Amino acid sequence: MNFGGVSQDMETGLGAGLALGLLFAYLVIRPIIVHRARRQMQKTKDEFIGLSSHYLLTPISIIQGALAKLQEQESTLKVEDRQKLYGNIEKGQQRLWILAEQFVLVSQIEQGALKLKLEAGSVSDAVQGALATMDIFAREKGVHLEFKDSTKTLQQARFDHRRFKQALLAIVDNAIKFSPQGATVKVTVIQEPHSFAIEVNDVGPGMSSDAVRTATQAFARGTSSYTFDHEGIGLGLYTANSIIREHGGELRFDTQNKGGTTITLRFPSE
């Protein structure tokens, strides 16, 4: 009984089977996977182009319309009408600036080129500066921004002021977008033993577990693609999370089924 020969034949058969399996995977399965990946990539690309075009053209159209009316009718416009048109121009300019900053930031994140310029500064002042920028959008939506500083010191920390403001803008913007008219978005600064926390609380519809899981992924919008009921292309929380993680911090989500979400931005104080 030549068991050695049987063993050798089995090994040869297994080797041939493995080779055939690998060949099958390369010739049949791989093209299917590649095709699906390309389709998904194309879908993502198409969604991005569609969304970014919409949210770029909207503020541009607002600015163009306001400028045209000012040029044609400025001498006959009432003071309040003129102020409203200037407000529309400011709003459109701010929205374009936020989008442009996000595009540049996403490029840096994807290339691993995000660098922080850490400088000492007041956390409270940084938060209030971001709220001042977002106030025009809050008023347009009929949402009130409420600021509370629960710290008892000067709240000095080392952080990248420009990037930190971008992260705050994205989080507050998200809260405003999902808040109903007449609601209040509460922003609270809290000093902890070795960190600072900024809580942004809204009374919107809340988030599902799937929405929380994907919230910090690029292009996650909380609504279906091409649904324009809420502004944004799904980069805000993605960029905010990247900025805070680069600071050594984190974003946390606390949401209720009955509605309302609190996003906590936490980063080291030293």
Protein backbone atom coordinates (compact mmCIF):
# COMPACT_ATOMS: atom_id res chain seq x y z
CA MET A 1 0.00 0.00 0.00
CA ASN A 2 1.65 3.16 -1.22
CA PHE A 3 0.29 5.80 1.09
CA GLY A 4 3.09 8.15 0.12
CA GLY A 5 1.89 8.08 -3.46
CA VAL A 6 -1.71 8.78 -2.45
CA SER A 7 -0.57 11.68 -0.33
CA GLN A 8 1.47 13.07 -3.20
CA ASP A 9 -1.48 12.70 -5.59
CA MET A 10 -3.74 14.49 -3.11
CA GLU A 11 -1.29 17.35 -2.74
CA THR A 12 -1.02 17.62 -6.51
CA GLY A 13 -4.82 17.64 -6.82
CA LEU A 14 -5.16 20.26 -4.11
CA GLY A 15 -2.50 22.37 -5.75
CA ALA A 16 -4.26 22.14 -9.11
CA GLY A 17 -7.62 22.94 -7.49
CA LEU A 18 -6.15 25.97 -5.74
CA ALA A 19 -4.62 27.17 -8.97
CA LEU A 20 -7.95 26.77 -10.78
CA GLY A 21 -9.73 28.58 -7.96
CA LEU A 22 -7.31 31.48 -8.13
CA LEU A 23 -7.61 31.59 -11.91
CA PHE A 24 -11.41 31.59 -11.64
CA ALA A 25 -11.30 34.38 -9.07
CA TYR A 26 -8.98 36.44 -11.27
CA LEU A 27 -10.87 35.89 -14.53
CA VAL A 28 -14.48 35.90 -13.26
CA ILE A 29 -14.87 37.29 -9.75
CA ARG A 30 -12.30 40.08 -10.01
CA PRO A 31 -13.94 41.75 -13.04
CA ILE A 32 -17.30 41.68 -11.23
CA ILE A 33 -15.81 43.33 -8.13
CA VAL A 34 -13.94 45.91 -10.22
CA HIS A 35 -17.09 46.67 -12.22
CA ARG A 36 -19.16 47.15 -9.06
CA ALA A 37 -16.46 49.34 -7.51
CA ARG A 38 -16.35 51.47 -10.65
CA ARG A 39 -20.14 51.78 -10.70
CA GLN A 40 -20.15 52.83 -7.04
CA MET A 41 -17.34 55.31 -7.69
CA GLN A 42 -19.20 56.74 -10.67
CA LYS A 43 -22.39 56.97 -8.61
CA THR A 44 -20.55 58.80 -5.83
CA LYS A 45 -18.94 61.09 -8.39
CA ASP A 46 -22.29 61.86 -10.05
CA GLU A 47 -23.92 62.54 -6.67
CA PHE A 48 -21.07 64.83 -5.66
CA ILE A 49 -21.24 66.79 -8.93
CA GLY A 50 -25.01 67.09 -8.67
CA LEU A 51 -25.02 68.20 -5.04
CA SER A 52 -22.05 70.56 -5.28
CA SER A 53 -23.44 72.15 -8.44
CA HIS A 54 -26.77 72.78 -6.72
CA TYR A 55 -25.26 74.25 -3.58
CA LEU A 56 -22.74 76.36 -5.49
CA LEU A 57 -25.25 77.71 -7.98
CA THR A 58 -27.82 78.59 -5.31
CA PRO A 59 -25.74 81.25 -3.48
CA ILE A 60 -24.33 82.50 -6.79
CA SER A 61 -27.88 82.99 -8.10
CA ILE A 62 -28.85 84.83 -4.89
CA ILE A 63 -25.85 87.17 -5.22
CA GLN A 64 -26.47 87.81 -8.92
CA GLY A 65 -30.15 88.51 -8.34
CA ALA A 66 -29.48 90.92 -5.49
CA LEU A 67 -26.76 92.79 -7.41
CA ALA A 68 -28.95 93.08 -10.51
CA LYS A 69 -31.83 94.55 -8.50
CA LEU A 70 -29.52 96.98 -6.72
CA GLN A 71 -28.05 98.16 -10.01
CA GLU A 72 -31.44 98.60 -11.65
CA GLN A 73 -33.51 99.97 -8.77
CA GLU A 74 -31.16 101.22 -6.05
CA SER A 75 -32.31 104.83 -6.33
CA THR A 76 -35.96 103.85 -5.84
CA LEU A 77 -35.56 101.10 -3.25
CA LYS A 78 -36.65 101.60 0.33
CA VAL A 79 -33.94 101.41 2.98
CA GLU A 80 -35.26 98.11 4.37
CA ASP A 81 -35.39 96.55 0.87
CA ARG A 82 -31.84 97.66 0.18
CA GLN A 83 -30.66 96.22 3.50
CA LYS A 84 -32.39 92.92 2.71
CA LEU A 85 -30.59 92.68 -0.65
CA TYR A 86 -27.23 93.42 0.99
CA GLY A 87 -28.06 90.75 3.54
CA ASN A 88 -28.71 88.25 0.74
CA ILE A 89 -25.34 89.10 -0.80
CA GLU A 90 -23.61 88.58 2.54
CA LYS A 91 -25.40 85.28 3.07
CA GLY A 92 -24.46 84.01 -0.39
CA GLN A 93 -20.85 85.08 0.09
CA GLN A 94 -20.63 83.34 3.46
CA ARG A 95 -22.10 80.12 2.06
CA LEU A 96 -19.63 80.13 -0.86
CA TRP A 97 -16.76 80.75 1.55
CA ILE A 98 -17.79 77.82 3.75
CA LEU A 99 -18.10 75.48 0.75
CA ALA A 100 -14.76 76.58 -0.71
CA GLU A 101 -13.03 76.07 2.64
CA GLN A 102 -14.55 72.59 2.89
CA PHE A 103 -13.36 71.59 -0.59
CA VAL A 104 -9.80 72.71 0.18
CA LEU A 105 -9.87 70.98 3.56
CA VAL A 106 -11.19 67.70 2.13
CA SER A 107 -8.35 67.69 -0.40
CA GLN A 108 -5.79 68.14 2.39
CA ILE A 109 -7.40 65.41 4.50
CA GLU A 110 -7.50 62.91 1.64
CA GLN A 111 -3.85 63.59 0.80
CA GLY A 112 -2.77 63.36 4.43
CA ALA A 113 -1.59 66.96 4.21
CA LEU A 114 -3.69 68.52 6.97
CA LYS A 115 -1.32 70.50 9.18
CA LEU A 116 -2.36 72.43 12.26
CA LYS A 117 -1.05 75.82 13.32
CA LEU A 118 -1.42 75.66 17.08
CA GLU A 119 -1.70 78.96 18.92
CA ALA A 120 -2.87 79.94 22.39
CA GLY A 121 -6.31 81.47 22.53
CA SER A 122 -9.67 81.65 24.23
CA VAL A 123 -12.03 78.76 23.51
CA SER A 124 -14.99 80.93 24.47
CA ASP A 125 -13.98 83.64 22.00
CA ALA A 126 -13.54 81.05 19.24
CA VAL A 127 -17.01 79.64 19.84
CA GLN A 128 -18.62 83.08 19.90
CA GLY A 129 -16.84 84.01 16.67
CA ALA A 130 -18.24 80.92 14.94
CA LEU A 131 -21.74 81.71 16.23
CA ALA A 132 -21.48 85.26 14.91
CA THR A 133 -20.71 83.86 11.45
CA MET A 134 -23.67 81.46 11.60
CA ASP A 135 -26.13 83.99 12.96
CA ILE A 136 -27.25 85.14 9.51
CA PHE A 137 -28.19 81.56 8.56
CA ALA A 138 -29.91 80.97 11.90
CA ARG A 139 -32.03 84.12 11.51
CA GLU A 140 -32.98 83.12 7.96
CA LYS A 141 -34.21 79.75 9.28
CA GLY A 142 -35.95 81.38 12.24
CA VAL A 143 -33.65 79.59 14.69
CA HIS A 144 -32.21 81.19 17.83
CA LEU A 145 -28.59 80.58 18.84
CA GLU A 146 -28.04 80.47 22.61
CA PHE A 147 -24.51 80.58 24.01
CA LYS A 148 -23.52 79.53 27.51
CA ASP A 149 -20.04 79.56 29.01
CA SER A 150 -19.90 77.36 32.10
CA THR A 151 -16.15 77.75 32.65
CA LYS A 152 -14.65 79.91 35.37
CA THR A 153 -11.25 80.63 33.84
CA LEU A 154 -9.98 82.39 30.73
CA GLN A 155 -10.38 79.07 28.84
CA GLN A 156 -6.95 79.33 27.23
CA ALA A 157 -5.90 76.43 25.05
CA ARG A 158 -3.61 75.74 22.13
CA PHE A 159 -5.48 75.05 18.92
CA ASP A 160 -5.57 75.93 15.25
CA HIS A 161 -7.98 78.87 15.30
CA ARG A 162 -8.92 78.71 11.61
CA ARG A 163 -9.51 74.96 11.54
CA PHE A 164 -11.23 74.95 14.91
CA LYS A 165 -13.66 77.59 13.64
CA GLN A 166 -14.32 75.44 10.55
CA ALA A 167 -15.22 72.49 12.76
CA LEU A 168 -17.55 74.61 14.88
CA LEU A 169 -19.19 76.15 11.81
CA ALA A 170 -19.92 72.70 10.42
CA ILE A 171 -21.45 71.39 13.65
CA VAL A 172 -23.57 74.49 14.33
CA ASP A 173 -24.62 74.63 10.68
CA ASN A 174 -25.77 71.02 10.94
CA ALA A 175 -27.83 71.82 14.05
CA ILE A 176 -29.47 74.82 12.38
CA LYS A 177 -30.35 72.87 9.23
CA PHE A 178 -32.18 70.14 11.13
CA SER A 179 -33.94 72.43 13.61
CA PRO A 180 -37.54 73.50 13.04
CA GLN A 181 -38.45 77.16 12.74
CA GLY A 182 -38.63 78.87 16.10
CA ALA A 183 -36.31 76.36 17.77
CA THR A 184 -33.22 77.15 19.84
CA VAL A 185 -29.78 75.68 19.23
CA LYS A 186 -27.85 75.70 22.50
CA VAL A 187 -24.05 75.90 22.46
CA THR A 188 -22.26 75.35 25.77
CA VAL A 189 -18.55 75.56 26.59
CA ILE A 190 -17.48 73.23 29.40
CA GLN A 191 -14.05 73.02 30.99
CA GLU A 192 -13.04 69.57 32.19
CA PRO A 193 -9.91 68.52 34.14
CA HIS A 194 -7.75 67.99 31.06
CA SER A 195 -9.97 68.99 28.17
CA PHE A 196 -12.57 71.37 26.82
CA ALA A 197 -15.98 70.28 25.60
CA ILE A 198 -18.33 72.23 23.37
CA GLU A 199 -21.87 70.86 23.33
CA VAL A 200 -24.15 71.77 20.42
CA ASN A 201 -27.73 70.79 21.18
CA ASP A 202 -30.69 70.93 18.78
CA VAL A 203 -34.32 69.85 18.98
CA GLY A 204 -34.46 68.39 15.48
CA PRO A 205 -35.75 64.95 14.46
CA GLY A 206 -32.85 63.07 16.03
CA MET A 207 -30.62 60.53 14.32
CA SER A 208 -31.03 56.83 13.66
CA SER A 209 -28.27 54.43 14.72
CA ASP A 210 -27.26 54.10 11.05
CA ALA A 211 -27.10 57.88 10.69
CA VAL A 212 -24.88 58.14 13.77
CA ARG A 213 -22.63 55.39 12.45
CA THR A 214 -22.09 57.14 9.10
CA ALA A 215 -22.34 60.76 10.27
CA THR A 216 -18.61 61.46 10.03
CA GLN A 217 -18.17 59.78 6.66
CA ALA A 218 -17.70 61.96 3.59
CA PHE A 219 -20.95 62.80 1.75
CA ALA A 220 -23.19 61.51 4.56
CA ARG A 221 -26.11 63.97 4.54
CA GLY A 222 -28.80 62.47 6.74
CA THR A 223 -31.14 62.56 3.73
CA SER A 224 -31.12 60.76 0.40
CA SER A 225 -28.96 61.99 -2.45
CA TYR A 226 -30.46 64.75 -4.57
CA THR A 227 -32.86 65.60 -1.75
CA PHE A 228 -32.46 69.32 -1.27
CA ASP A 229 -34.65 69.80 1.79
CA HIS A 230 -31.49 70.40 3.84
CA GLU A 231 -28.51 72.34 2.53
CA GLY A 232 -25.09 70.76 2.33
CA ILE A 233 -23.16 68.10 0.45
CA GLY A 234 -22.28 65.90 3.42
CA LEU A 235 -18.77 67.16 4.17
CA GLY A 236 -19.39 69.20 7.32
CA LEU A 237 -19.22 66.55 10.04
CA TYR A 238 -16.56 64.65 8.09
CA THR A 239 -14.23 67.66 8.07
CA ALA A 240 -15.14 68.60 11.66
CA ASN A 241 -14.29 65.10 12.88
CA SER A 242 -11.00 65.13 10.98
CA ILE A 243 -10.02 68.50 12.47
CA ILE A 244 -10.87 67.52 16.03
CA ARG A 245 -9.09 64.17 15.73
CA GLU A 246 -6.02 66.00 14.45
CA HIS A 247 -6.19 68.05 17.67
CA GLY A 248 -6.21 64.79 19.64
CA GLY A 249 -9.91 65.05 20.42
CA GLU A 250 -13.18 63.45 19.37
CA LEU A 251 -16.80 64.03 18.34
CA ARG A 252 -19.57 62.27 20.22
CA PHE A 253 -23.26 61.99 19.33
CA ASP A 254 -26.11 61.76 21.81
CA THR A 255 -29.46 61.49 20.06
CA GLN A 256 -32.96 60.61 21.17
CA ASN A 257 -35.67 58.69 19.32
CA LYS A 258 -38.16 61.39 20.29
CA GLY A 259 -35.96 64.01 18.66
CA GLY A 260 -33.02 66.19 19.55
CA THR A 261 -29.31 65.64 19.10
CA THR A 262 -26.29 66.80 21.07
CA ILE A 263 -22.93 66.75 19.33
CA THR A 264 -20.03 67.14 21.74
CA LEU A 265 -16.70 68.37 20.47
CA ARG A 266 -13.99 67.50 22.97
CA PHE A 267 -10.25 68.20 22.74
CA PRO A 268 -7.29 68.40 25.15
CA SER A 269 -6.75 71.67 27.01
CA GLU A 270 -2.98 71.22 27.09
